[in-house]
Amino acid sequence: MKKLALLLLVSPFLVAQNAPRAENPERHEYAISNFRTEGGVTLPVARIVYGTYGHLNAAKDNVVLLPSHYMANFHGYEWLIGPERALDSSQLFLVATELFGNGQSSSPSNTPEPFHGPRFPVMTIRDNVEAVHRLLVDELKITHVRAIIGFSMGAQQAFQWSVSYPEFAGRVVATSGTAKTYPHGIVRLEGQIAALTADVAFQNGDYTTPPKKGLEAFGMVWAAWLYSQEWWRRELWRGTTRATTFEQAMNGFRTRFSADANDYILQARTWQRHDVGATAGFGGDVERALRSIRVPLLYMPSETDLYFPIGDARYEEAFIPGVTFTPIPSLWGHTAGAASNPADAKFLNETIAHFLATGR
């Protein structure tokens, strides 16, 4: 299995990466035989890698689910975990799952033929939710969780849980992510995929060596969207990266993406296709799907997110009954939803802790 890099979406979040850990999580793997995807393809074996923090109590009522974001591993929520944070693993049992396509769960890079590389089926957010539902119910014998907390593609999963399994969680938190990927987001992702696949070394996904130039181009397109324009103008990269000049900060993105190219594309396709309105029974109507949500839901978009613009979030929150809508006041763009700086970490932990305790 190829080593999974901690990517740009995770690595600059210095609060999460540098904070002391309350305990070391345990790594697990769950295999599902003959997993049929939403697109109609059956994988002989679908594997979910996940980590656990803390201990499951006898009543099995202290569980919080943390679904991962783009190409992240199960360490991606450690900015929330600890005795002084929103999730105290001495009291809670935290299950942090990894998305299909991240290089550790079933992915283009680690699945044998006939589904290796570009032949791996496109997975949807619903596919990921269905697999994790089986993990929790069939493997861990958990039928209800205290909360589901998700950032970015994790937020997409949190919304999907709220629609697909409306009574499975007592609370839901979504940061820097929406219930549907709207056309502008699809175009953005398509641009990043186009930059990667334009490298002649890509060879339609059957490359023999990594498409280095394509990965560099992918990183540069990513860079323009990750943070806000004001973040760049104020040079907030100073003190959070090793760069001492703007050119170094910009060019650092060229080498940040070193995982498998087909894995990057698979998760981008998963991102593009997300739409809770496409859930069975809703006929493609995202507003109707959002109106079906009954679980208390804390919706925390970043005020400066270019991936999931706050305008999309404001459109969605109008249809969610009883939603608690709390934008993150930050210049850190998309990364604000994962505590990429101390101020956002404090705001997130305090707001989420209060919501989990009160539901408001």
Foldseek 3Di string as FASTA:
>chain_A
DDDFAAFPLAVLLCLLVVDDFPDDWDKDKDKDAQQAAPVGDTDRIWMKIKTKFADQDPVSAQEEEEEAAQLHGQSLQSLQEDPVFLHDRPRHIYIYIYDELSVPTPHLPPGDPPQHWPNPDQHALVSVLVVVCCCCCVVVVQQAYAEYEYAASSLLNQLLCCLPVVGRYQEYEYELYDVAQDPVLLVLLVVLLCLLCVQPQCVSGPHPDHSLRSLLSSLLSVVVQQFFPVCVVVVVCVPSDPDPDSVCVNSVSSPRDDDRSSSNSSVSSNRNGRASCPPPPNVSDRLVSQLSGDRLYEYEYEPRARNCHVVNVVVSVVRHPNYHYHYQDDRGYSSLRSNSDPVSSVVVRVVSSVCSVPSD
